[in-house]
C-alpha cells in the first residue's frame, strides 16, 4: 500500500459545492480474495453459517401506449417465473415498485430487479451485480442501485435484453466473522489492516444529501459534493480507501454518545472514495465504527430467462427481429449506443461524409413504437451502408465518399510515398 496515499487528495470549496480532486489511476484488479459458488433456482446456498436463496425478478418497461412522460410499473415474478402475490412482496420488503421516467432517459432498456433472501449469515453485505447473456457470455448489465431489508436484498439495473434468453447473474457479497475498528469522527482517522486502509479525508457540513457528481479528465478526477439549497442539509463523511473502495468488504456505522447507531441517508462509491451522508448534525456523531468482513463470496446463478419481457420475443432467433414496444432515443449519439448494446457489440464506427438525410439531421428526442431492432437499424443507416461485423465485434456505418475526396486521398497517398 502507498504510505502517501492520503496526500493524493485535495479538498476545496466553491460557491455551489465542495470538491475533492485526485489523480486518475486504475485500481488493482480483484484485490480481495473471493470464494466462488453457484446458486441454483429453487435451492439454498449455505454460506457463512446461514442460507442464501433467489426469490424472483421485477421487470419494468414501456408498452406502445405509454411514453417517457410517465413512470413505468414493475411486475414482479417469483423464482418459478410466476406473478408474485402482494403478500409475498410485503414479506420481501419490496417497496420500489416504479421505475422513474428520468432514469429511462439514460437507460432506454428494461429495468430489472433481482431479489434475494438470506437467513443466519453473519454480517452479510452485498456489493455488486453483473448480468451476462449465458449463450454469448456478453456482459449486458451491471451497476445500478440496490436496497435491502433485514432478510432480503434487491439489485436494480438496466438490461438491454428484450427477448427470452438464458442469463447468468453474478453477485458479490461478503460476510463475517468481522474485524471491528472504532475511531473518532475526525479527518485523518480510520483503520488499516494487512490488505487495506480507509481514512476519513474530510467531513462536509451543510451539503445537499440528494445530489453529487464527478468528472474525469486529463488532470485527474473531481468529485463534487453539492451544497444545500433546499433548506434540508446533511453531513457527508468522505473516506478514501486503498487498494480500492468499490468492493471493499467494509461498512461504516455512526454512533451517538450513548452508543446508539444513527441512521444514514445514503452512500456512494468510486474506485477510491466512499461517501456516506447523514441528516443529523455533526455534533451528534461521537464515534465511527468500521465493520470489516473477512469472507468474500462470488455467487453465479443461472436463470433460464428474465420473465415478463414482450411475448413476441419468446422465440426470436435473430436479434434484428427483436420487437421493441416503445423506446425514446434522446439524441443522435444514443442511436448507435442503443443498437450496439442491444446487438451485444463492443464497438461502433462511422466513416465518410454524412449526407443531408442522415439520422444526425433529424430532430431529437425521437419516439419508436411497435418496431423491431431492424427498423431502428434502417433509420440509423439512412443514406449509408450498415455492416454488423461479428468477427471484430463492431457496428460499422459507412457513408459514400465523394469522387473529389477519393481523388484527393489517392493523390495524397502518391505524394506521401
Protein backbone atom coordinates (compact mmCIF):
# COMPACT_ATOMS: atom_id res chain seq x y z
CA UNK A 1 0.00 0.00 0.00
CA UNK A 2 1.06 3.58 -0.70
CA UNK A 3 2.11 5.32 2.56
CA UNK A 4 1.45 8.72 0.93
CA UNK A 5 -1.99 7.71 -0.37
CA UNK A 6 -3.86 10.36 1.63
CA UNK A 7 -1.70 13.12 0.13
CA UNK A 8 -3.07 12.38 -3.37
CA UNK A 9 -6.37 14.08 -2.45
CA UNK A 10 -7.04 17.82 -2.18
CA UNK A 11 -10.17 19.46 -0.77
CA UNK A 12 -11.55 22.86 -1.73
CA UNK A 13 -14.76 24.88 -1.61
CA UNK A 14 -16.59 26.54 -4.48
CA UNK A 15 -19.75 28.70 -4.33
CA UNK A 16 -22.10 25.81 -5.10
CA UNK A 17 -20.12 22.77 -3.99
CA UNK A 18 -17.22 21.27 -2.14
CA UNK A 19 -14.68 19.48 -4.33
CA UNK A 20 -12.25 16.63 -3.89
CA UNK A 21 -9.58 16.23 -6.57
CA UNK A 22 -7.14 13.35 -7.10
CA UNK A 23 -5.06 11.84 -9.93
CA UNK A 24 -6.65 9.38 -12.35
CA UNK A 25 -5.47 5.82 -11.94
CA UNK A 26 -6.81 2.32 -12.32
CA UNK A 27 -7.37 0.31 -9.14
CA UNK A 28 -5.88 -3.12 -8.71
CA UNK A 29 -7.80 -5.88 -10.44
CA UNK A 30 -9.71 -8.09 -7.96
CA UNK A 31 -7.61 -7.13 -4.89
CA UNK A 32 -9.80 -9.01 -2.41
CA UNK A 33 -9.68 -12.79 -2.23
CA UNK A 34 -13.00 -14.40 -3.16
CA UNK A 35 -14.60 -17.83 -2.99
CA UNK A 36 -16.73 -18.97 -5.94
CA UNK A 37 -20.01 -20.85 -5.71
CA UNK A 38 -23.12 -21.50 -7.81
CA UNK A 39 -26.71 -20.91 -6.78
CA UNK A 40 -29.50 -22.90 -8.43
CA UNK A 41 -33.01 -21.52 -8.75
CA UNK A 42 -35.27 -23.11 -6.14
CA UNK A 43 -32.38 -24.20 -3.92
CA UNK A 44 -30.48 -22.70 -0.98
CA UNK A 45 -26.79 -21.89 -0.87
CA UNK A 46 -25.21 -22.49 2.54
CA UNK A 47 -22.58 -19.87 3.37
CA UNK A 48 -21.44 -18.02 6.48
CA UNK A 49 -23.47 -20.18 8.83
CA UNK A 50 -26.72 -19.41 7.02
CA UNK A 51 -28.54 -19.64 3.69
CA UNK A 52 -28.99 -17.54 0.55
CA UNK A 53 -31.88 -18.03 -1.89
CA UNK A 54 -33.01 -16.35 -5.10
CA UNK A 55 -36.60 -15.13 -4.73
CA UNK A 56 -37.53 -13.62 -8.08
CA UNK A 57 -37.37 -10.79 -10.56
CA UNK A 58 -39.07 -7.45 -11.15
CA UNK A 59 -39.35 -6.06 -14.68
CA UNK A 60 -40.42 -2.60 -15.89
CA UNK A 61 -40.56 -1.12 -19.39
CA UNK A 62 -42.99 0.91 -21.50
CA UNK A 63 -45.66 -0.59 -23.72
CA UNK A 64 -46.71 1.02 -27.01
CA UNK A 65 -49.47 3.05 -25.31
CA UNK A 66 -47.10 4.82 -22.91
CA UNK A 67 -44.46 7.49 -23.29
CA UNK A 68 -41.50 8.99 -21.49
CA UNK A 69 -43.60 11.49 -19.57
CA UNK A 70 -44.80 8.54 -17.45
CA UNK A 71 -43.17 6.24 -14.91
CA UNK A 72 -43.19 2.51 -15.61
CA UNK A 73 -44.65 -0.01 -13.15
CA UNK A 74 -42.69 -3.09 -12.13
CA UNK A 75 -44.23 -6.54 -12.50
CA UNK A 76 -42.78 -9.00 -10.01
CA UNK A 77 -42.26 -12.72 -10.61
CA UNK A 78 -41.17 -15.44 -8.19
CA UNK A 79 -38.27 -17.84 -8.74
CA UNK A 80 -40.52 -20.04 -10.90
CA UNK A 81 -41.45 -17.05 -13.13
CA UNK A 82 -45.00 -16.83 -11.76
CA UNK A 83 -46.54 -13.47 -10.90
CA UNK A 84 -45.74 -12.66 -7.29
CA UNK A 85 -48.54 -12.11 -4.80
CA UNK A 86 -48.91 -8.87 -2.86
CA UNK A 87 -48.40 -10.83 0.36
CA UNK A 88 -45.08 -12.21 -0.82
CA UNK A 89 -43.95 -8.75 -1.98
CA UNK A 90 -44.64 -7.41 1.50
CA UNK A 91 -42.73 -10.31 3.08
CA UNK A 92 -39.70 -9.46 0.94
CA UNK A 93 -39.96 -5.76 1.79
CA UNK A 94 -40.44 -4.69 -1.82
CA UNK A 95 -41.34 -1.01 -1.87
CA UNK A 96 -39.59 0.17 -5.04
CA UNK A 97 -42.41 -0.67 -7.45
CA UNK A 98 -41.92 2.13 -10.00
CA UNK A 99 -39.11 2.77 -12.49
CA UNK A 100 -38.77 6.54 -12.89
CA UNK A 101 -39.07 8.09 -16.34
CA UNK A 102 -35.97 10.19 -15.74
CA UNK A 103 -33.82 7.07 -15.47
CA UNK A 104 -35.04 5.65 -18.81
CA UNK A 105 -33.71 8.77 -20.48
CA UNK A 106 -30.18 7.46 -19.99
CA UNK A 107 -31.03 3.75 -19.93
CA UNK A 108 -33.55 3.01 -22.72
CA UNK A 109 -33.86 -0.69 -21.85
CA UNK A 110 -35.92 -2.79 -19.45
CA UNK A 111 -35.33 -2.06 -15.77
CA UNK A 112 -34.82 -5.31 -13.87
CA UNK A 113 -34.71 -6.11 -10.16
CA UNK A 114 -33.10 -9.32 -8.91
CA UNK A 115 -34.24 -10.31 -5.41
CA UNK A 116 -32.50 -12.49 -2.82
CA UNK A 117 -33.41 -13.69 0.66
CA UNK A 118 -30.89 -14.62 3.34
CA UNK A 119 -31.05 -16.04 6.86
CA UNK A 120 -28.38 -16.51 9.51
CA UNK A 121 -25.39 -15.24 7.50
CA UNK A 122 -23.10 -13.30 9.83
CA UNK A 123 -22.72 -9.61 8.95
CA UNK A 124 -23.74 -10.14 5.32
CA UNK A 125 -23.04 -7.26 2.93
CA UNK A 126 -24.00 -7.24 -0.77
CA UNK A 127 -21.53 -5.50 -3.09
CA UNK A 128 -22.30 -5.73 -6.79
CA UNK A 129 -24.17 -7.47 -9.57
CA UNK A 130 -23.32 -8.32 -13.18
CA UNK A 131 -25.62 -9.89 -15.75
CA UNK A 132 -24.34 -11.93 -18.70
CA UNK A 133 -26.06 -13.46 -21.71
CA UNK A 134 -25.39 -17.13 -20.95
CA UNK A 135 -25.10 -18.07 -24.63
CA UNK A 136 -22.82 -15.28 -25.86
CA UNK A 137 -21.08 -14.64 -22.49
CA UNK A 138 -21.53 -10.90 -23.12
CA UNK A 139 -21.84 -8.56 -20.14
CA UNK A 140 -25.27 -6.99 -20.58
CA UNK A 141 -25.89 -5.35 -17.21
CA UNK A 142 -24.01 -4.07 -14.17
CA UNK A 143 -24.17 -1.42 -11.52
CA UNK A 144 -27.41 0.42 -10.82
CA UNK A 145 -28.96 0.77 -7.40
CA UNK A 146 -29.75 -1.57 -4.55
CA UNK A 147 -31.73 -1.67 -1.35
CA UNK A 148 -32.46 -4.17 1.38
CA UNK A 149 -34.41 -5.09 4.49
CA UNK A 150 -33.29 -7.31 7.40
CA UNK A 151 -33.53 -10.61 5.48
CA UNK A 152 -33.72 -9.65 1.80
CA UNK A 153 -31.82 -7.66 -0.79
CA UNK A 154 -32.64 -6.29 -4.25
CA UNK A 155 -30.38 -5.17 -7.08
CA UNK A 156 -31.86 -2.89 -9.74
CA UNK A 157 -30.13 -2.49 -13.10
CA UNK A 158 -30.97 -1.86 -16.77
CA UNK A 159 -30.52 -4.78 -19.16
CA UNK A 160 -30.51 -4.32 -22.98
CA UNK A 161 -32.42 -7.56 -23.38
CA UNK A 162 -35.91 -7.68 -24.87
CA UNK A 163 -36.09 -11.37 -25.73
CA UNK A 164 -36.21 -14.69 -23.89
CA UNK A 165 -32.63 -15.83 -23.36
CA UNK A 166 -30.74 -17.63 -20.57
CA UNK A 167 -28.75 -15.27 -18.35
CA UNK A 168 -26.04 -15.69 -15.75
CA UNK A 169 -26.45 -13.39 -12.75
CA UNK A 170 -23.23 -12.86 -10.78
CA UNK A 171 -23.40 -11.21 -7.36
CA UNK A 172 -20.59 -10.48 -4.94
CA UNK A 173 -21.10 -10.37 -1.18
CA UNK A 174 -19.05 -10.55 1.99
CA UNK A 175 -19.73 -11.81 5.50
CA UNK A 176 -18.16 -12.36 8.90
CA UNK A 177 -16.51 -13.02 11.19
CA UNK A 178 -15.76 -9.30 11.08
CA UNK A 179 -12.91 -7.19 12.36
CA UNK A 180 -14.16 -4.12 14.23
CA UNK A 181 -12.33 -0.78 14.15
CA UNK A 182 -13.55 2.28 16.09
CA UNK A 183 -12.25 5.82 15.72
CA UNK A 184 -13.20 9.46 16.30
CA UNK A 185 -15.09 11.47 13.63
CA UNK A 186 -12.01 13.50 12.68
CA UNK A 187 -10.15 13.95 9.41
CA UNK A 188 -7.21 11.53 9.12
CA UNK A 189 -8.76 8.92 11.41
CA UNK A 190 -9.62 5.46 10.09
CA UNK A 191 -8.25 1.92 10.04
CA UNK A 192 -5.60 -0.20 8.40
CA UNK A 193 -5.06 -3.94 8.20
CA UNK A 194 -2.77 -6.22 6.21
CA UNK A 195 -4.74 -5.85 2.95
CA UNK A 196 -6.46 -2.45 3.02
CA UNK A 197 -6.75 1.00 4.52
CA UNK A 198 -9.51 3.63 4.82
CA UNK A 199 -9.10 7.16 6.14
CA UNK A 200 -11.65 9.90 6.76
CA UNK A 201 -10.43 12.60 4.37
CA UNK A 202 -12.93 15.29 5.34
CA UNK A 203 -16.34 15.95 6.88
CA UNK A 204 -18.52 18.26 4.78
CA UNK A 205 -21.37 20.04 6.58
CA UNK A 206 -24.35 21.77 5.00
CA UNK A 207 -24.48 19.53 1.92
CA UNK A 208 -27.37 18.53 -0.30
CA UNK A 209 -27.97 14.89 0.72
CA UNK A 210 -29.68 14.10 -2.60
CA UNK A 211 -27.13 15.14 -5.24
CA UNK A 212 -23.47 14.69 -6.06
CA UNK A 213 -21.40 14.43 -9.23
CA UNK A 214 -17.97 13.56 -10.55
CA UNK A 215 -15.96 14.12 -13.70
CA UNK A 216 -12.71 12.74 -15.11
CA UNK A 217 -10.20 14.46 -17.35
CA UNK A 218 -6.55 14.70 -18.23
CA UNK A 219 -5.81 16.47 -14.96
CA UNK A 220 -7.49 13.81 -12.83
CA UNK A 221 -10.82 13.18 -11.12
CA UNK A 222 -13.02 15.83 -9.49
CA UNK A 223 -15.84 14.78 -7.16
CA UNK A 224 -18.37 17.44 -6.19
CA UNK A 225 -20.43 17.41 -3.02
CA UNK A 226 -23.17 19.96 -3.69
CA UNK A 227 -24.07 22.49 -1.02
CA UNK A 228 -27.61 22.55 0.34
CA UNK A 229 -30.09 24.87 -1.37
CA UNK A 230 -33.31 23.16 -0.20
CA UNK A 231 -33.13 24.01 3.48
CA UNK A 232 -32.64 20.31 4.22
CA UNK A 233 -28.89 19.99 4.90
CA UNK A 234 -26.89 16.86 5.57
CA UNK A 235 -23.37 15.91 6.65
CA UNK A 236 -21.09 13.99 4.26
CA UNK A 237 -18.33 11.76 5.63
CA UNK A 238 -15.78 11.39 2.83
CA UNK A 239 -13.49 8.35 3.11
CA UNK A 240 -10.60 7.43 0.82
CA UNK A 241 -9.60 3.77 0.63
CA UNK A 242 -6.83 1.62 -0.85
CA UNK A 243 -6.28 -0.65 -2.75
CA UNK A 244 -9.82 0.35 -3.77
CA UNK A 245 -13.09 1.45 -2.18
CA UNK A 246 -15.54 -0.24 -4.53
CA UNK A 247 -15.82 -3.86 -3.50
CA UNK A 248 -14.06 -3.44 -0.16
CA UNK A 249 -15.87 -5.66 2.40
CA UNK A 250 -16.40 -2.84 4.89
CA UNK A 251 -19.32 -0.81 6.18
CA UNK A 252 -19.36 2.21 8.47
CA UNK A 253 -21.65 2.86 11.43
CA UNK A 254 -22.08 6.21 13.17
CA UNK A 255 -22.80 6.20 16.92
CA UNK A 256 -24.04 8.89 19.28
CA UNK A 257 -22.70 9.46 22.82
CA UNK A 258 -24.98 6.72 24.19
CA UNK A 259 -23.75 4.15 21.66
CA UNK A 260 -26.92 4.26 19.57
CA UNK A 261 -26.45 3.83 15.83
CA UNK A 262 -27.52 6.85 13.76
CA UNK A 263 -29.42 6.31 10.53
CA UNK A 264 -27.51 7.10 7.35
CA UNK A 265 -29.19 8.74 4.37
CA UNK A 266 -27.28 7.08 1.55
CA UNK A 267 -23.84 6.30 0.25
CA UNK A 268 -21.89 6.14 -2.99
CA UNK A 269 -18.53 4.75 -4.04
CA UNK A 270 -15.97 5.25 -6.76
CA UNK A 271 -12.71 3.40 -7.30
CA UNK A 272 -11.03 5.00 -4.30
CA UNK A 273 -13.66 7.06 -2.43
CA UNK A 274 -16.58 6.18 -0.21
CA UNK A 275 -19.12 8.89 0.67
CA UNK A 276 -21.75 8.47 3.38
CA UNK A 277 -24.38 11.10 4.22
CA UNK A 278 -26.29 11.65 7.45
CA UNK A 279 -29.18 14.03 8.02
CA UNK A 280 -28.04 14.66 11.56
CA UNK A 281 -25.90 17.49 12.99
CA UNK A 282 -22.22 16.57 13.21
CA UNK A 283 -22.33 17.17 16.97
CA UNK A 284 -24.45 14.02 17.39
CA UNK A 285 -21.73 11.76 16.00
CA UNK A 286 -19.37 10.63 18.79
CA UNK A 287 -17.81 7.54 17.26
CA UNK A 288 -17.37 5.81 13.89
CA UNK A 289 -17.27 2.02 13.72
CA UNK A 290 -15.88 0.18 10.69
CA UNK A 291 -17.06 -3.40 10.24
CA UNK A 292 -14.61 -5.28 8.01
CA UNK A 293 -15.77 -8.71 6.81
CA UNK A 294 -13.14 -11.42 6.46
CA UNK A 295 -15.01 -13.62 3.93
CA UNK A 296 -15.92 -12.66 0.39
CA UNK A 297 -18.10 -14.70 -1.97
CA UNK A 298 -18.87 -14.58 -5.69
CA UNK A 299 -22.15 -16.32 -6.49
CA UNK A 300 -23.12 -17.34 -10.02
CA UNK A 301 -26.80 -18.01 -10.67
CA UNK A 302 -28.16 -19.44 -13.93
CA UNK A 303 -31.62 -18.18 -14.95
CA UNK A 304 -33.45 -19.77 -17.90
CA UNK A 305 -34.75 -16.30 -18.85
CA UNK A 306 -35.96 -12.97 -17.45
CA UNK A 307 -39.76 -13.23 -17.19
CA UNK A 308 -42.17 -10.51 -18.27
CA UNK A 309 -40.39 -9.37 -21.44
CA UNK A 310 -42.52 -8.92 -24.62
CA UNK A 311 -44.16 -12.23 -25.56
CA UNK A 312 -43.46 -11.59 -29.27
CA UNK A 313 -39.79 -12.22 -28.47
CA UNK A 314 -40.15 -15.62 -26.81
CA UNK A 315 -38.83 -17.50 -29.86
CA UNK A 316 -36.68 -14.91 -31.65
CA UNK A 317 -33.61 -16.31 -33.44
CA UNK A 318 -32.18 -13.06 -34.85
CA UNK A 319 -31.54 -10.04 -32.64
CA UNK A 320 -32.56 -7.74 -35.52
CA UNK A 321 -36.06 -9.23 -35.31
CA UNK A 322 -36.48 -8.39 -31.61
CA UNK A 323 -39.72 -6.44 -31.05
CA UNK A 324 -39.45 -3.12 -29.15
CA UNK A 325 -42.81 -1.89 -27.76
CA UNK A 326 -41.60 1.65 -27.11
CA UNK A 327 -38.30 3.45 -26.77
CA UNK A 328 -37.29 7.10 -26.83
CA UNK A 329 -33.91 7.97 -28.28
CA UNK A 330 -32.82 11.18 -26.61
CA UNK A 331 -30.11 12.31 -29.05
CA UNK A 332 -28.31 11.19 -32.20
CA UNK A 333 -25.41 9.67 -30.27
CA UNK A 334 -27.79 7.40 -28.41
CA UNK A 335 -28.94 5.67 -31.62
CA UNK A 336 -25.67 3.82 -32.15
CA UNK A 337 -25.40 3.12 -28.42
CA UNK A 338 -28.87 1.58 -28.36
CA UNK A 339 -28.14 -0.63 -31.37
CA UNK A 340 -24.67 -1.60 -30.23
CA UNK A 341 -25.78 -2.72 -26.78
CA UNK A 342 -28.97 -4.41 -27.98
CA UNK A 343 -26.95 -6.31 -30.61
CA UNK A 344 -24.25 -7.07 -27.99
CA UNK A 345 -21.42 -5.41 -29.90
CA UNK A 346 -18.49 -3.71 -28.16
CA UNK A 347 -17.62 -1.02 -30.73
CA UNK A 348 -19.23 1.25 -33.32
CA UNK A 349 -17.79 3.49 -36.01
CA UNK A 350 -18.96 5.92 -38.71
CA UNK A 351 -16.91 6.71 -41.81
CA UNK A 352 -17.43 9.02 -44.79
CA UNK A 353 -19.33 12.30 -45.03
CA UNK A 354 -22.84 12.42 -43.53
CA UNK A 355 -25.48 13.14 -46.21
CA UNK A 356 -28.37 15.53 -45.63
CA UNK A 357 -30.78 12.66 -44.94
CA UNK A 358 -28.60 11.00 -42.28
CA UNK A 359 -30.04 10.22 -38.84
CA UNK A 360 -27.95 13.05 -37.38
CA UNK A 361 -30.09 15.66 -39.12
CA UNK A 362 -33.38 14.52 -37.57
CA UNK A 363 -34.93 16.27 -34.60
CA UNK A 364 -34.44 14.52 -31.27
CA UNK A 365 -35.74 13.18 -28.95
CA UNK A 366 -37.43 10.62 -31.20
CA UNK A 367 -40.02 8.00 -30.22
CA UNK A 368 -40.18 4.50 -31.72
CA UNK A 369 -43.34 2.43 -31.14
CA UNK A 370 -44.07 -1.18 -32.12
CA UNK A 371 -40.83 -1.54 -34.05
CA UNK A 372 -38.08 -4.10 -34.41
CA UNK A 373 -34.38 -3.58 -33.89
CA UNK A 374 -34.12 -3.88 -37.67
CA UNK A 375 -36.41 -0.84 -38.09
CA UNK A 376 -34.15 1.25 -35.84
CA UNK A 377 -31.09 -0.06 -37.70
CA UNK A 378 -32.63 1.04 -41.04
CA UNK A 379 -33.25 4.51 -39.62
CA UNK A 380 -29.67 4.66 -38.34
CA UNK A 381 -28.24 3.64 -41.72
CA UNK A 382 -30.27 6.13 -43.83
CA UNK A 383 -28.03 7.39 -46.61
CA UNK A 384 -25.32 4.86 -45.87
CA UNK A 385 -24.48 1.18 -45.50
CA UNK A 386 -24.64 -0.61 -42.16
CA UNK A 387 -22.37 -3.57 -41.53
CA UNK A 388 -22.57 -5.78 -38.44
CA UNK A 389 -19.03 -7.11 -38.15
CA UNK A 390 -19.38 -10.13 -35.87
CA UNK A 391 -15.74 -11.17 -36.20
CA UNK A 392 -14.46 -7.80 -34.97
CA UNK A 393 -17.38 -7.22 -32.58
CA UNK A 394 -18.25 -3.95 -34.30
CA UNK A 395 -21.16 -1.94 -35.72
CA UNK A 396 -19.95 -0.08 -38.84
CA UNK A 397 -21.85 2.70 -40.65
CA UNK A 398 -20.28 3.77 -43.93
CA UNK A 399 -21.36 6.81 -45.94
CA UNK A 400 -20.37 7.25 -49.61
CA UNK A 401 -17.13 9.14 -50.21
CA UNK A 402 -17.48 11.86 -52.92
CA UNK A 403 -15.31 11.41 -56.00
CA UNK A 404 -13.33 14.60 -55.33
CA UNK A 405 -12.47 13.39 -51.84
CA UNK A 406 -11.47 9.96 -53.15
CA UNK A 407 -9.21 11.63 -55.72
CA UNK A 408 -7.64 13.86 -53.05
CA UNK A 409 -7.00 10.85 -50.83
CA UNK A 410 -5.48 8.94 -53.76
CA UNK A 411 -3.15 11.82 -54.67
CA UNK A 412 -2.14 12.28 -51.04
CA UNK A 413 -1.08 8.63 -50.85
CA UNK A 414 1.00 9.02 -54.04
CA UNK A 415 2.81 12.17 -52.92
CA UNK A 416 3.43 10.82 -49.40
CA UNK A 417 5.28 7.80 -50.77
